Amino acid sequence: MLTKADQTVVDCLDVLEEVAPLGLTHLGFKDVGVPRELIETLHARIKATGATSYLEVVSTSPEACLRSATVARDIGVDYLLGGTQVDEILALLSGSPTKYLPFPGRPFDHPTKLAGSAALVGEHCAAYRAKGCAGVDLLAYRATEASPIEMVKAARANLDGGYLLVAGAVKTADQIRALAAAGADAFTVGSAVLDGSFAPRAGSLRSQIRAVLDACA
């Protein structure tokens, strides 16, 4: 994710150019931090690399979330992440190729945190899949009331084969391995590579991302 502290970084185009030689095939950004014109340019350049694109909604008002969903549809984002207005967003995306992964549980604040139990996450996952969502965007490591890994396991058990993406506060190799063992399909990482904390002794952004890829392998 070309983001830090739940906002797209203002030099996102420069960051994208810097990491392009690594051949990343999944790239995303948030709906806040930069103007729509820059979001459109960024998305076009992501797609020009051949990568799958992700836009994560972290706006806090219902109106702003729906506006962001409309932007995702209009520019052709592959995956729209976040938000809880599932019926409204699915209606907005109807007929488009954009797949939707809403937040299960009770997200709040910005940067976003996650309230609710693992059982509630499981209930939401089953309900969202039944409505036609492709999966969920689970803020496991932003949880305030439950174990992150228990949340992942509950989501996996109730998604009926749906896409389980874990977002937010993934910053160590141990977390990545734990997510894989619990059944997550994917995760996002942004701040931890952009601030250098994923691999503290590495000096470049490319080295940070290589460390993440090594953890995945």
Protein backbone atom coordinates (compact mmCIF):
# COMPACT_ATOMS: atom_id res chain seq x y z
CA MET A 1 0.00 0.00 0.00
CA LEU A 2 1.35 3.39 -0.99
CA THR A 3 0.17 4.73 2.35
CA LYS A 4 1.37 5.83 5.76
CA ALA A 5 -0.81 6.35 8.87
CA ASP A 6 -3.93 5.47 6.86
CA GLN A 7 -3.36 8.10 4.18
CA THR A 8 -1.98 7.85 0.67
CA VAL A 9 1.46 9.47 0.67
CA VAL A 10 1.68 12.71 -1.27
CA ASP A 11 4.68 11.46 -3.27
CA CYS A 12 2.92 8.22 -4.21
CA LEU A 13 3.93 8.48 -7.88
CA ASP A 14 7.60 8.76 -6.92
CA VAL A 15 7.27 5.82 -4.54
CA LEU A 16 5.61 3.75 -7.24
CA GLU A 17 8.42 4.53 -9.66
CA GLU A 18 11.01 3.58 -7.04
CA VAL A 19 9.49 0.17 -6.31
CA ALA A 20 8.48 -0.68 -9.89
CA PRO A 21 11.68 -2.71 -10.59
CA LEU A 22 10.61 -5.19 -7.89
CA GLY A 23 7.74 -6.37 -10.08
CA LEU A 24 5.06 -6.16 -7.40
CA THR A 25 1.75 -7.55 -8.63
CA HIS A 26 -0.56 -6.13 -5.93
CA LEU A 27 -0.55 -2.38 -5.25
CA GLY A 28 -3.02 -0.16 -3.45
CA PHE A 29 -3.79 3.16 -1.81
CA LYS A 30 -6.32 4.84 0.51
CA ASP A 31 -9.16 7.17 -0.33
CA VAL A 32 -7.68 10.02 1.71
CA GLY A 33 -4.45 12.01 1.67
CA VAL A 34 -4.34 13.15 -1.95
CA PRO A 35 -6.85 14.74 -4.36
CA ARG A 36 -8.97 12.68 -6.74
CA GLU A 37 -6.93 13.78 -9.74
CA LEU A 38 -3.81 12.24 -8.22
CA ILE A 39 -5.71 9.09 -7.28
CA GLU A 40 -6.77 8.70 -10.91
CA THR A 41 -3.22 9.16 -12.16
CA LEU A 42 -1.83 6.79 -9.55
CA HIS A 43 -4.35 4.11 -10.43
CA ALA A 44 -3.62 4.40 -14.13
CA ARG A 45 0.09 3.96 -13.48
CA ILE A 46 -0.53 0.96 -11.19
CA LYS A 47 -2.57 -0.72 -13.93
CA ALA A 48 0.13 0.12 -16.48
CA THR A 49 2.51 -2.07 -14.45
CA GLY A 50 0.09 -4.99 -14.82
CA ALA A 51 -0.64 -5.11 -11.07
CA THR A 52 -3.96 -5.79 -9.36
CA SER A 53 -5.20 -2.56 -7.81
CA TYR A 54 -6.77 -1.92 -4.40
CA LEU A 55 -8.48 1.15 -2.96
CA GLU A 56 -9.18 1.06 0.77
CA VAL A 57 -11.91 3.28 2.19
CA VAL A 58 -10.94 4.81 5.53
CA SER A 59 -13.20 7.87 5.42
CA THR A 60 -15.35 8.08 8.53
CA SER A 61 -18.62 9.54 7.22
CA PRO A 62 -21.16 7.45 5.27
CA GLU A 63 -21.33 10.09 2.54
CA ALA A 64 -17.57 10.11 2.05
CA CYS A 65 -17.45 6.30 1.95
CA LEU A 66 -20.05 6.21 -0.81
CA ARG A 67 -18.20 8.89 -2.77
CA SER A 68 -15.02 6.82 -2.53
CA ALA A 69 -16.87 3.71 -3.69
CA THR A 70 -18.09 5.67 -6.69
CA VAL A 71 -14.53 6.74 -7.49
CA ALA A 72 -13.35 3.12 -7.26
CA ARG A 73 -16.06 2.06 -9.70
CA ASP A 74 -15.45 4.92 -12.09
CA ILE A 75 -11.68 4.45 -12.38
CA GLY A 76 -11.89 0.66 -12.50
CA VAL A 77 -10.17 -0.40 -9.28
CA ASP A 78 -9.94 -4.20 -9.05
CA TYR A 79 -10.73 -4.42 -5.32
CA LEU A 80 -12.54 -1.92 -3.13
CA LEU A 81 -11.64 -2.47 0.53
CA GLY A 82 -13.32 -1.26 3.71
CA GLY A 83 -16.51 0.49 4.65
CA THR A 84 -19.55 -1.10 6.26
CA GLN A 85 -22.39 0.17 4.05
CA VAL A 86 -22.50 -3.14 2.29
CA ASP A 87 -25.88 -2.94 0.56
CA GLU A 88 -25.32 0.58 -0.73
CA ILE A 89 -21.80 -0.10 -1.97
CA LEU A 90 -22.75 -3.36 -3.66
CA ALA A 91 -25.52 -1.45 -5.44
CA LEU A 92 -23.02 1.19 -6.57
CA LEU A 93 -20.63 -1.47 -7.87
CA SER A 94 -23.33 -3.53 -9.60
CA GLY A 95 -22.39 -4.20 -13.21
CA SER A 96 -18.75 -3.17 -12.70
CA PRO A 97 -15.76 -5.52 -12.45
CA THR A 98 -14.75 -4.04 -9.06
CA LYS A 99 -14.90 -6.63 -6.27
CA TYR A 100 -15.85 -5.57 -2.76
CA LEU A 101 -14.23 -6.55 0.55
CA PRO A 102 -15.98 -4.69 3.44
CA PHE A 103 -14.81 -4.36 7.03
CA PRO A 104 -16.30 -7.00 9.37
CA GLY A 105 -16.64 -6.09 13.05
CA ARG A 106 -17.08 -2.48 14.18
CA PRO A 107 -14.40 -0.19 12.71
CA PHE A 108 -14.01 3.26 14.24
CA ASP A 109 -11.74 6.31 14.38
CA HIS A 110 -8.88 7.28 12.05
CA PRO A 111 -6.38 5.65 11.82
CA THR A 112 -9.00 2.92 11.91
CA LYS A 113 -9.35 0.58 14.88
CA LEU A 114 -11.61 -2.47 15.16
CA ALA A 115 -14.09 -3.18 17.93
CA GLY A 116 -16.10 -6.37 18.30
CA SER A 117 -15.53 -10.02 19.10
CA ALA A 118 -14.22 -12.82 16.92
CA ALA A 119 -17.74 -14.26 16.92
CA LEU A 120 -19.13 -10.98 15.56
CA VAL A 121 -16.50 -10.97 12.82
CA GLY A 122 -17.55 -14.49 11.88
CA GLU A 123 -21.21 -13.47 11.73
CA HIS A 124 -20.42 -10.50 9.52
CA CYS A 125 -18.27 -12.60 7.19
CA ALA A 126 -21.07 -15.09 6.60
CA ALA A 127 -23.61 -12.30 6.06
CA TYR A 128 -21.40 -10.36 3.64
CA ARG A 129 -20.67 -13.43 1.54
CA ALA A 130 -24.37 -14.19 1.38
CA LYS A 131 -24.96 -10.66 0.03
CA GLY A 132 -22.41 -11.18 -2.75
CA CYS A 133 -19.18 -9.70 -1.38
CA ALA A 134 -15.97 -11.27 -2.68
CA GLY A 135 -14.62 -11.54 0.86
CA VAL A 136 -13.61 -9.17 3.66
CA ASP A 137 -10.97 -6.64 4.66
CA LEU A 138 -10.20 -7.59 8.27
CA LEU A 139 -8.42 -5.12 10.55
CA ALA A 140 -7.12 -7.95 12.72
CA TYR A 141 -4.08 -6.20 14.21
CA ARG A 142 -6.16 -3.08 14.91
CA ALA A 143 -8.50 -5.08 17.18
CA THR A 144 -9.39 -3.54 20.54
CA GLU A 145 -11.46 -6.36 22.06
CA ALA A 146 -10.25 -9.68 20.62
CA SER A 147 -7.17 -11.66 19.63
CA PRO A 148 -6.09 -10.82 16.06
CA ILE A 149 -5.48 -14.44 15.15
CA GLU A 150 -8.78 -15.59 16.65
CA MET A 151 -10.47 -13.00 14.45
CA VAL A 152 -8.67 -14.36 11.39
CA LYS A 153 -9.69 -17.92 12.23
CA ALA A 154 -13.32 -16.88 12.75
CA ALA A 155 -13.33 -15.05 9.44
CA ARG A 156 -11.77 -17.99 7.60
CA ALA A 157 -14.36 -20.39 9.03
CA ASN A 158 -17.27 -18.25 7.85
CA LEU A 159 -16.21 -16.91 4.46
CA ASP A 160 -17.22 -19.91 2.35
CA GLY A 161 -14.11 -19.66 0.19
CA GLY A 162 -14.12 -15.86 0.05
CA TYR A 163 -11.01 -13.70 -0.11
CA LEU A 164 -9.63 -12.98 3.38
CA LEU A 165 -7.41 -9.92 3.33
CA VAL A 166 -5.93 -8.62 6.60
CA ALA A 167 -5.15 -4.90 6.71
CA GLY A 168 -3.53 -2.55 9.17
CA ALA A 169 -0.53 -2.70 11.50
CA VAL A 170 1.19 -5.66 9.82
CA LYS A 171 4.83 -4.88 10.58
CA THR A 172 6.77 -8.08 11.36
CA ALA A 173 7.65 -11.36 9.69
CA ASP A 174 6.17 -13.24 12.64
CA GLN A 175 2.79 -11.59 12.02
CA ILE A 176 2.90 -12.58 8.35
CA ARG A 177 3.63 -16.20 9.21
CA ALA A 178 0.87 -16.23 11.84
CA LEU A 179 -1.64 -14.85 9.35
CA ALA A 180 -0.77 -17.51 6.80
CA ALA A 181 -1.11 -20.27 9.40
CA ALA A 182 -4.52 -18.94 10.47
CA GLY A 183 -5.87 -18.97 6.93
CA ALA A 184 -5.47 -15.42 5.62
CA ASP A 185 -5.13 -15.14 1.85
CA ALA A 186 -3.36 -11.78 1.82
CA PHE A 187 -2.36 -8.77 3.90
CA THR A 188 -1.54 -5.13 3.32
CA VAL A 189 1.62 -3.39 4.44
CA GLY A 190 2.32 0.31 4.05
CA SER A 191 3.59 2.31 7.01
CA ALA A 192 6.02 -0.40 8.12
CA VAL A 193 7.94 -0.27 4.84
CA LEU A 194 7.65 3.46 4.27
CA ASP A 195 8.92 4.34 7.75
CA GLY A 196 11.61 1.63 7.67
CA SER A 197 10.36 -0.28 10.69
CA PHE A 198 9.73 -3.64 9.00
CA ALA A 199 13.46 -4.20 8.51
CA PRO A 200 15.06 -1.62 10.86
CA ARG A 201 18.63 -2.29 9.75
CA ALA A 202 17.86 -1.97 6.03
CA GLY A 203 18.41 1.41 4.44
CA SER A 204 16.22 1.53 1.34
CA LEU A 205 12.55 1.20 0.54
CA ARG A 206 13.30 -1.62 -1.89
CA SER A 207 15.12 -3.49 0.88
CA GLN A 208 12.09 -3.09 3.15
CA ILE A 209 9.83 -4.60 0.51
CA ARG A 210 12.27 -7.42 -0.21
CA ALA A 211 12.17 -8.27 3.50
CA VAL A 212 8.37 -8.49 3.32
CA LEU A 213 8.59 -10.73 0.25
CA ASP A 214 11.14 -12.94 2.02
CA ALA A 215 8.73 -13.31 4.96
CA CYS A 216 5.98 -14.35 2.55
CA ALA A 217 8.24 -16.93 0.95
